[in-house]
Amino acid sequence: MELNETTKTCFELAIQWMISGKIILPAACRGGPEAIAQLVGFMKFADLLSLLGPFDSVLAMLRKQVLSHPDALSGRHIREVAELP
């Protein structure tokens, strides 16, 4: 398996999820477009790995970021989320 489309942060978030069942975003991406991108990236990577959910806490974090920073939501984020099952 090659992980060319996965960031180091998304990989680390997946490891956190596997160990603890929760994720904590690094301080560098706790707000705005970077946080949204990492959360969406995590969801895509979790789908690729068939990680078990529920991902309600991750979706709540994503919702909070979008509501707090509506200008940070991009078309790319929307397209990536639309591709998720």
PDB file of N, CA and C in Angstrom:
ATOM      1  N   MET A   1       0.846  -1.167   0.000  1.00  0.00           N
ATOM      2  CA  MET A   1       0.000   0.000   0.000  1.00  0.00           C
ATOM      3  C   MET A   1       0.892   1.231   0.000  1.00  0.00           C
ATOM      4  N   GLU A   2       0.646   2.140  -0.917  1.00  0.00           N
ATOM      5  CA  GLU A   2       1.361   3.405  -0.949  1.00  0.00           C
ATOM      6  C   GLU A   2       0.468   4.492  -0.368  1.00  0.00           C
ATOM      7  N   LEU A   3       1.077   5.394   0.347  1.00  0.00           N
ATOM      8  CA  LEU A   3       0.327   6.453   1.018  1.00  0.00           C
ATOM      9  C   LEU A   3       0.672   7.817   0.430  1.00  0.00           C
ATOM     10  N   ASN A   4       0.752   7.898  -0.870  1.00  0.00           N
ATOM     11  CA  ASN A   4       1.150   9.141  -1.528  1.00  0.00           C
ATOM     12  C   ASN A   4       0.196  10.297  -1.281  1.00  0.00           C
ATOM     13  N   GLU A   5      -1.086  10.020  -1.128  1.00  0.00           N
ATOM     14  CA  GLU A   5      -2.069  11.088  -0.969  1.00  0.00           C
ATOM     15  C   GLU A   5      -2.402  11.370   0.493  1.00  0.00           C
ATOM     16  N   THR A   6      -1.647  10.798   1.404  1.00  0.00           N
ATOM     17  CA  THR A   6      -1.906  10.965   2.830  1.00  0.00           C
ATOM     18  C   THR A   6      -0.793  11.788   3.460  1.00  0.00           C
ATOM     19  N   THR A   7      -1.179  12.760   4.269  1.00  0.00           N
ATOM     20  CA  THR A   7      -0.184  13.575   4.948  1.00  0.00           C
ATOM     21  C   THR A   7       0.320  12.855   6.198  1.00  0.00           C
ATOM     22  N   LYS A   8       1.436  13.314   6.667  1.00  0.00           N
ATOM     23  CA  LYS A   8       1.990  12.768   7.912  1.00  0.00           C
ATOM     24  C   LYS A   8       1.008  12.974   9.055  1.00  0.00           C
ATOM     25  N   THR A   9       0.370  14.134   9.087  1.00  0.00           N
ATOM     26  CA  THR A   9      -0.598  14.422  10.151  1.00  0.00           C
ATOM     27  C   THR A   9      -1.772  13.456  10.107  1.00  0.00           C
ATOM     28  N   CYS A  10      -2.313  13.189   8.903  1.00  0.00           N
ATOM     29  CA  CYS A  10      -3.432  12.246   8.785  1.00  0.00           C
ATOM     30  C   CYS A  10      -3.023  10.853   9.257  1.00  0.00           C
ATOM     31  N   PHE A  11      -1.808  10.443   8.915  1.00  0.00           N
ATOM     32  CA  PHE A  11      -1.308   9.150   9.363  1.00  0.00           C
ATOM     33  C   PHE A  11      -1.230   9.123  10.891  1.00  0.00           C
ATOM     34  N   GLU A  12      -0.696  10.190  11.485  1.00  0.00           N
ATOM     35  CA  GLU A  12      -0.594  10.257  12.948  1.00  0.00           C
ATOM     36  C   GLU A  12      -1.973  10.260  13.607  1.00  0.00           C
ATOM     37  N   LEU A  13      -2.939  10.954  12.982  1.00  0.00           N
ATOM     38  CA  LEU A  13      -4.298  10.959  13.520  1.00  0.00           C
ATOM     39  C   LEU A  13      -4.899   9.557  13.470  1.00  0.00           C
ATOM     40  N   ALA A  14      -4.629   8.824  12.406  1.00  0.00           N
ATOM     41  CA  ALA A  14      -5.131   7.447  12.295  1.00  0.00           C
ATOM     42  C   ALA A  14      -4.536   6.565  13.390  1.00  0.00           C
ATOM     43  N   ILE A  15      -3.251   6.744  13.666  1.00  0.00           N
ATOM     44  CA  ILE A  15      -2.615   5.978  14.744  1.00  0.00           C
ATOM     45  C   ILE A  15      -3.263   6.325  16.082  1.00  0.00           C
ATOM     46  N   GLN A  16      -3.498   7.621  16.316  1.00  0.00           N
ATOM     47  CA  GLN A  16      -4.185   8.038  17.547  1.00  0.00           C
ATOM     48  C   GLN A  16      -5.538   7.340  17.663  1.00  0.00           C
ATOM     49  N   TRP A  17      -6.279   7.322  16.547  1.00  0.00           N
ATOM     50  CA  TRP A  17      -7.618   6.723  16.544  1.00  0.00           C
ATOM     51  C   TRP A  17      -7.540   5.229  16.864  1.00  0.00           C
ATOM     52  N   MET A  18      -6.569   4.547  16.271  1.00  0.00           N
ATOM     53  CA  MET A  18      -6.431   3.100  16.505  1.00  0.00           C
ATOM     54  C   MET A  18      -6.095   2.793  17.955  1.00  0.00           C
ATOM     55  N   ILE A  19      -5.322   3.664  18.578  1.00  0.00           N
ATOM     56  CA  ILE A  19      -4.895   3.423  19.956  1.00  0.00           C
ATOM     57  C   ILE A  19      -5.935   3.875  20.975  1.00  0.00           C
ATOM     58  N   SER A  20      -6.506   5.069  20.759  1.00  0.00           N
ATOM     59  CA  SER A  20      -7.358   5.647  21.804  1.00  0.00           C
ATOM     60  C   SER A  20      -8.821   5.839  21.421  1.00  0.00           C
ATOM     61  N   GLY A  21      -9.134   5.731  20.130  1.00  0.00           N
ATOM     62  CA  GLY A  21     -10.517   5.959  19.699  1.00  0.00           C
ATOM     63  C   GLY A  21     -10.883   7.425  19.637  1.00  0.00           C
ATOM     64  N   LYS A  22      -9.874   8.297  19.677  1.00  0.00           N
ATOM     65  CA  LYS A  22     -10.114   9.734  19.545  1.00  0.00           C
ATOM     66  C   LYS A  22      -8.909  10.361  18.865  1.00  0.00           C
ATOM     67  N   ILE A  23      -9.087  11.603  18.408  1.00  0.00           N
ATOM     68  CA  ILE A  23      -7.968  12.307  17.790  1.00  0.00           C
ATOM     69  C   ILE A  23      -7.846  13.695  18.396  1.00  0.00           C
ATOM     70  N   ILE A  24      -6.621  14.177  18.419  1.00  0.00           N
ATOM     71  CA  ILE A  24      -6.329  15.541  18.862  1.00  0.00           C
ATOM     72  C   ILE A  24      -5.475  16.169  17.777  1.00  0.00           C
ATOM     73  N   LEU A  25      -5.981  17.242  17.186  1.00  0.00           N
ATOM     74  CA  LEU A  25      -5.226  17.921  16.133  1.00  0.00           C
ATOM     75  C   LEU A  25      -3.972  18.571  16.712  1.00  0.00           C
ATOM     76  N   PRO A  26      -2.882  18.546  15.970  1.00  0.00           N
ATOM     77  CA  PRO A  26      -1.677  19.257  16.415  1.00  0.00           C
ATOM     78  C   PRO A  26      -1.964  20.758  16.529  1.00  0.00           C
ATOM     79  N   ALA A  27      -1.231  21.435  17.365  1.00  0.00           N
ATOM     80  CA  ALA A  27      -1.442  22.869  17.583  1.00  0.00           C
ATOM     81  C   ALA A  27      -1.349  23.669  16.288  1.00  0.00           C
ATOM     82  N   ALA A  28      -0.519  23.225  15.362  1.00  0.00           N
ATOM     83  CA  ALA A  28      -0.315  23.959  14.114  1.00  0.00           C
ATOM     84  C   ALA A  28      -1.548  23.961  13.212  1.00  0.00           C
ATOM     85  N   CYS A  29      -2.481  23.053  13.449  1.00  0.00           N
ATOM     86  CA  CYS A  29      -3.653  23.005  12.563  1.00  0.00           C
ATOM     87  C   CYS A  29      -4.953  22.927  13.352  1.00  0.00           C
ATOM     88  N   ARG A  30      -5.060  23.727  14.374  1.00  0.00           N
ATOM     89  CA  ARG A  30      -6.263  23.687  15.203  1.00  0.00           C
ATOM     90  C   ARG A  30      -7.350  24.660  14.752  1.00  0.00           C
ATOM     91  N   GLY A  31      -7.126  25.423  13.710  1.00  0.00           N
ATOM     92  CA  GLY A  31      -8.168  26.345  13.299  1.00  0.00           C
ATOM     93  C   GLY A  31      -8.116  26.644  11.815  1.00  0.00           C
ATOM     94  N   GLY A  32      -9.269  26.849  11.235  1.00  0.00           N
ATOM     95  CA  GLY A  32      -9.350  27.273   9.854  1.00  0.00           C
ATOM     96  C   GLY A  32      -9.118  26.198   8.828  1.00  0.00           C
ATOM     97  N   PRO A  33      -8.622  26.610   7.658  1.00  0.00           N
ATOM     98  CA  PRO A  33      -8.527  25.690   6.530  1.00  0.00           C
ATOM     99  C   PRO A  33      -7.635  24.476   6.780  1.00  0.00           C
ATOM    100  N   GLU A  34      -6.562  24.656   7.533  1.00  0.00           N
ATOM    101  CA  GLU A  34      -5.663  23.530   7.800  1.00  0.00           C
ATOM    102  C   GLU A  34      -6.357  22.463   8.646  1.00  0.00           C
ATOM    103  N   ALA A  35      -7.120  22.887   9.638  1.00  0.00           N
ATOM    104  CA  ALA A  35      -7.843  21.927  10.476  1.00  0.00           C
ATOM    105  C   ALA A  35      -8.889  21.183   9.657  1.00  0.00           C
ATOM    106  N   ILE A  36      -9.617  21.905   8.827  1.00  0.00           N
ATOM    107  CA  ILE A  36     -10.628  21.267   7.984  1.00  0.00           C
ATOM    108  C   ILE A  36      -9.967  20.268   7.045  1.00  0.00           C
ATOM    109  N   ALA A  37      -8.866  20.663   6.422  1.00  0.00           N
ATOM    110  CA  ALA A  37      -8.162  19.770   5.491  1.00  0.00           C
ATOM    111  C   ALA A  37      -7.675  18.508   6.197  1.00  0.00           C
ATOM    112  N   GLN A  38      -7.134  18.639   7.396  1.00  0.00           N
ATOM    113  CA  GLN A  38      -6.615  17.476   8.113  1.00  0.00           C
ATOM    114  C   GLN A  38      -7.742  16.552   8.568  1.00  0.00           C
ATOM    115  N   LEU A  39      -8.862  17.120   9.009  1.00  0.00           N
ATOM    116  CA  LEU A  39      -9.990  16.289   9.429  1.00  0.00           C
ATOM    117  C   LEU A  39     -10.596  15.541   8.250  1.00  0.00           C
ATOM    118  N   VAL A  40     -10.743  16.219   7.118  1.00  0.00           N
ATOM    119  CA  VAL A  40     -11.256  15.560   5.910  1.00  0.00           C
ATOM    120  C   VAL A  40     -10.247  14.504   5.449  1.00  0.00           C
ATOM    121  N   GLY A  41      -8.963  14.844   5.486  1.00  0.00           N
ATOM    122  CA  GLY A  41      -7.929  13.881   5.117  1.00  0.00           C
ATOM    123  C   GLY A  41      -7.946  12.652   6.011  1.00  0.00           C
ATOM    124  N   PHE A  42      -8.162  12.862   7.302  1.00  0.00           N
ATOM    125  CA  PHE A  42      -8.259  11.735   8.223  1.00  0.00           C
ATOM    126  C   PHE A  42      -9.434  10.845   7.858  1.00  0.00           C
ATOM    127  N   MET A  43     -10.577  11.449   7.561  1.00  0.00           N
ATOM    128  CA  MET A  43     -11.758  10.662   7.202  1.00  0.00           C
ATOM    129  C   MET A  43     -11.505   9.851   5.930  1.00  0.00           C
ATOM    130  N   LYS A  44     -10.835  10.437   4.944  1.00  0.00           N
ATOM    131  CA  LYS A  44     -10.508   9.713   3.720  1.00  0.00           C
ATOM    132  C   LYS A  44      -9.553   8.552   4.019  1.00  0.00           C
ATOM    133  N   PHE A  45      -8.550   8.814   4.842  1.00  0.00           N
ATOM    134  CA  PHE A  45      -7.575   7.781   5.184  1.00  0.00           C
ATOM    135  C   PHE A  45      -8.234   6.681   6.008  1.00  0.00           C
ATOM    136  N   ALA A  46      -9.108   7.054   6.940  1.00  0.00           N
ATOM    137  CA  ALA A  46      -9.825   6.066   7.743  1.00  0.00           C
ATOM    138  C   ALA A  46     -10.665   5.172   6.841  1.00  0.00           C
ATOM    139  N   ASP A  47     -11.288   5.752   5.820  1.00  0.00           N
ATOM    140  CA  ASP A  47     -12.062   4.964   4.869  1.00  0.00           C
ATOM    141  C   ASP A  47     -11.149   4.019   4.093  1.00  0.00           C
ATOM    142  N   LEU A  48     -10.002   4.505   3.660  1.00  0.00           N
ATOM    143  CA  LEU A  48      -9.046   3.686   2.915  1.00  0.00           C
ATOM    144  C   LEU A  48      -8.593   2.480   3.743  1.00  0.00           C
ATOM    145  N   LEU A  49      -8.378   2.696   5.044  1.00  0.00           N
ATOM    146  CA  LEU A  49      -7.922   1.630   5.934  1.00  0.00           C
ATOM    147  C   LEU A  49      -9.064   0.800   6.507  1.00  0.00           C
ATOM    148  N   SER A  50     -10.300   1.197   6.216  1.00  0.00           N
ATOM    149  CA  SER A  50     -11.492   0.536   6.772  1.00  0.00           C
ATOM    150  C   SER A  50     -11.475   0.553   8.301  1.00  0.00           C
ATOM    151  N   LEU A  51     -11.059   1.694   8.859  1.00  0.00           N
ATOM    152  CA  LEU A  51     -11.083   1.836  10.317  1.00  0.00           C
ATOM    153  C   LEU A  51     -12.526   1.841  10.784  1.00  0.00           C
ATOM    154  N   LEU A  52     -12.742   1.277  11.942  1.00  0.00           N
ATOM    155  CA  LEU A  52     -14.083   1.236  12.493  1.00  0.00           C
ATOM    156  C   LEU A  52     -14.401   2.525  13.225  1.00  0.00           C
ATOM    157  N   GLY A  53     -15.631   2.972  13.117  1.00  0.00           N
ATOM    158  CA  GLY A  53     -16.109   4.173  13.786  1.00  0.00           C
ATOM    159  C   GLY A  53     -16.827   3.782  15.054  1.00  0.00           C
ATOM    160  N   PRO A  54     -17.741   4.538  15.524  1.00  0.00           N
ATOM    161  CA  PRO A  54     -18.323   5.719  14.886  1.00  0.00           C
ATOM    162  C   PRO A  54     -17.387   6.920  14.984  1.00  0.00           C
ATOM    163  N   PHE A  55     -17.488   7.754  13.994  1.00  0.00           N
ATOM    164  CA  PHE A  55     -16.644   8.943  13.907  1.00  0.00           C
ATOM    165  C   PHE A  55     -17.404  10.209  14.302  1.00  0.00           C
ATOM    166  N   ASP A  56     -18.381  10.056  15.174  1.00  0.00           N
ATOM    167  CA  ASP A  56     -19.192  11.201  15.585  1.00  0.00           C
ATOM    168  C   ASP A  56     -18.352  12.324  16.167  1.00  0.00           C
ATOM    169  N   SER A  57     -17.330  11.988  16.946  1.00  0.00           N
ATOM    170  CA  SER A  57     -16.510  13.034  17.557  1.00  0.00           C
ATOM    171  C   SER A  57     -15.695  13.776  16.492  1.00  0.00           C
ATOM    172  N   VAL A  58     -15.238  13.058  15.476  1.00  0.00           N
ATOM    173  CA  VAL A  58     -14.483  13.692  14.392  1.00  0.00           C
ATOM    174  C   VAL A  58     -15.406  14.591  13.578  1.00  0.00           C
ATOM    175  N   LEU A  59     -16.605  14.105  13.293  1.00  0.00           N
ATOM    176  CA  LEU A  59     -17.567  14.921  12.551  1.00  0.00           C
ATOM    177  C   LEU A  59     -17.964  16.162  13.345  1.00  0.00           C
ATOM    178  N   ALA A  60     -18.055  16.034  14.658  1.00  0.00           N
ATOM    179  CA  ALA A  60     -18.367  17.198  15.500  1.00  0.00           C
ATOM    180  C   ALA A  60     -17.230  18.216  15.439  1.00  0.00           C
ATOM    181  N   MET A  61     -15.985  17.728  15.432  1.00  0.00           N
ATOM    182  CA  MET A  61     -14.838  18.634  15.310  1.00  0.00           C
ATOM    183  C   MET A  61     -14.861  19.350  13.965  1.00  0.00           C
ATOM    184  N   LEU A  62     -15.169  18.600  12.915  1.00  0.00           N
ATOM    185  CA  LEU A  62     -15.240  19.182  11.574  1.00  0.00           C
ATOM    186  C   LEU A  62     -16.351  20.220  11.495  1.00  0.00           C
ATOM    187  N   ARG A  63     -17.510  19.895  12.029  1.00  0.00           N
ATOM    188  CA  ARG A  63     -18.639  20.825  12.038  1.00  0.00           C
ATOM    189  C   ARG A  63     -18.275  22.110  12.794  1.00  0.00           C
ATOM    190  N   LYS A  64     -17.604  21.963  13.939  1.00  0.00           N
ATOM    191  CA  LYS A  64     -17.199  23.125  14.734  1.00  0.00           C
ATOM    192  C   LYS A  64     -16.246  24.023  13.942  1.00  0.00           C
ATOM    193  N   GLN A  65     -15.293  23.411  13.232  1.00  0.00           N
ATOM    194  CA  GLN A  65     -14.347  24.195  12.428  1.00  0.00           C
ATOM    195  C   GLN A  65     -15.052  24.944  11.303  1.00  0.00           C
ATOM    196  N   VAL A  66     -15.979  24.267  10.640  1.00  0.00           N
ATOM    197  CA  VAL A  66     -16.699  24.908   9.531  1.00  0.00           C
ATOM    198  C   VAL A  66     -17.559  26.064  10.046  1.00  0.00           C
ATOM    199  N   LEU A  67     -18.225  25.862  11.172  1.00  0.00           N
ATOM    200  CA  LEU A  67     -19.072  26.923  11.723  1.00  0.00           C
ATOM    201  C   LEU A  67     -18.250  28.081  12.283  1.00  0.00           C
ATOM    202  N   SER A  68     -17.089  27.778  12.850  1.00  0.00           N
ATOM    203  CA  SER A  68     -16.232  28.822  13.412  1.00  0.00           C
ATOM    204  C   SER A  68     -15.472  29.599  12.341  1.00  0.00           C
ATOM    205  N   HIS A  69     -15.182  28.931  11.230  1.00  0.00           N
ATOM    206  CA  HIS A  69     -14.386  29.536  10.156  1.00  0.00           C
ATOM    207  C   HIS A  69     -15.048  29.264   8.800  1.00  0.00           C
ATOM    208  N   PRO A  70     -16.247  29.801   8.559  1.00  0.00           N
ATOM    209  CA  PRO A  70     -16.954  29.490   7.308  1.00  0.00           C
ATOM    210  C   PRO A  70     -16.175  29.898   6.060  1.00  0.00           C
ATOM    211  N   ASP A  71     -15.350  30.914   6.166  1.00  0.00           N
ATOM    212  CA  ASP A  71     -14.554  31.354   5.019  1.00  0.00           C
ATOM    213  C   ASP A  71     -13.407  30.387   4.711  1.00  0.00           C
ATOM    214  N   ALA A  72     -13.113  29.464   5.624  1.00  0.00           N
ATOM    215  CA  ALA A  72     -12.025  28.511   5.430  1.00  0.00           C
ATOM    216  C   ALA A  72     -12.455  27.293   4.608  1.00  0.00           C
ATOM    217  N   LEU A  73     -13.754  27.095   4.464  1.00  0.00           N
ATOM    218  CA  LEU A  73     -14.255  25.955   3.699  1.00  0.00           C
ATOM    219  C   LEU A  73     -14.054  26.214   2.215  1.00  0.00           C
ATOM    220  N   SER A  74     -13.399  25.280   1.542  1.00  0.00           N
ATOM    221  CA  SER A  74     -13.116  25.461   0.119  1.00  0.00           C
ATOM    222  C   SER A  74     -13.857  24.425  -0.719  1.00  0.00           C
ATOM    223  N   GLY A  75     -13.888  24.661  -2.004  1.00  0.00           N
ATOM    224  CA  GLY A  75     -14.494  23.708  -2.925  1.00  0.00           C
ATOM    225  C   GLY A  75     -13.809  22.362  -2.868  1.00  0.00           C
ATOM    226  N   ARG A  76     -12.497  22.374  -2.661  1.00  0.00           N
ATOM    227  CA  ARG A  76     -11.733  21.124  -2.547  1.00  0.00           C
ATOM    228  C   ARG A  76     -12.214  20.300  -1.365  1.00  0.00           C
ATOM    229  N   HIS A  77     -12.463  20.963  -0.214  1.00  0.00           N
ATOM    230  CA  HIS A  77     -12.959  20.254   0.956  1.00  0.00           C
ATOM    231  C   HIS A  77     -14.305  19.606   0.643  1.00  0.00           C
ATOM    232  N   ILE A  78     -15.174  20.361  -0.002  1.00  0.00           N
ATOM    233  CA  ILE A  78     -16.518  19.847  -0.319  1.00  0.00           C
ATOM    234  C   ILE A  78     -16.428  18.652  -1.273  1.00  0.00           C
ATOM    235  N   ARG A  79     -15.564  18.753  -2.298  1.00  0.00           N
ATOM    236  CA  ARG A  79     -15.416  17.637  -3.237  1.00  0.00           C
ATOM    237  C   ARG A  79     -14.880  16.389  -2.536  1.00  0.00           C
ATOM    238  N   GLU A  80     -13.914  16.566  -1.646  1.00  0.00           N
ATOM    239  CA  GLU A  80     -13.327  15.425  -0.944  1.00  0.00           C
ATOM    240  C   GLU A  80     -14.357  14.751  -0.029  1.00  0.00           C
ATOM    241  N   VAL A  81     -15.161  15.546   0.651  1.00  0.00           N
ATOM    242  CA  VAL A  81     -16.192  14.975   1.523  1.00  0.00           C
ATOM    243  C   VAL A  81     -17.256  14.270   0.688  1.00  0.00           C
ATOM    244  N   ALA A  82     -17.582  14.825  -0.454  1.00  0.00           N
ATOM    245  CA  ALA A  82     -18.592  14.211  -1.318  1.00  0.00           C
ATOM    246  C   ALA A  82     -18.156  12.839  -1.826  1.00  0.00           C
ATOM    247  N   GLU A  83     -16.856  12.594  -1.894  1.00  0.00           N
ATOM    248  CA  GLU A  83     -16.344  11.310  -2.362  1.00  0.00           C
ATOM    249  C   GLU A  83     -16.385  10.226  -1.278  1.00  0.00           C
ATOM    250  N   LEU A  84     -16.607  10.620  -0.035  1.00  0.00           N
ATOM    251  CA  LEU A  84     -16.650   9.641   1.052  1.00  0.00           C
ATOM    252  C   LEU A  84     -17.959   8.849   0.998  1.00  0.00           C
ATOM    253  N   PRO A  85     -17.896   7.582   1.438  1.00  0.00           N
ATOM    254  CA  PRO A  85     -19.133   6.765   1.425  1.00  0.00           C
ATOM    255  C   PRO A  85     -20.133   7.219   2.461  1.00  0.00           C
TER     256      PRO A  85
END
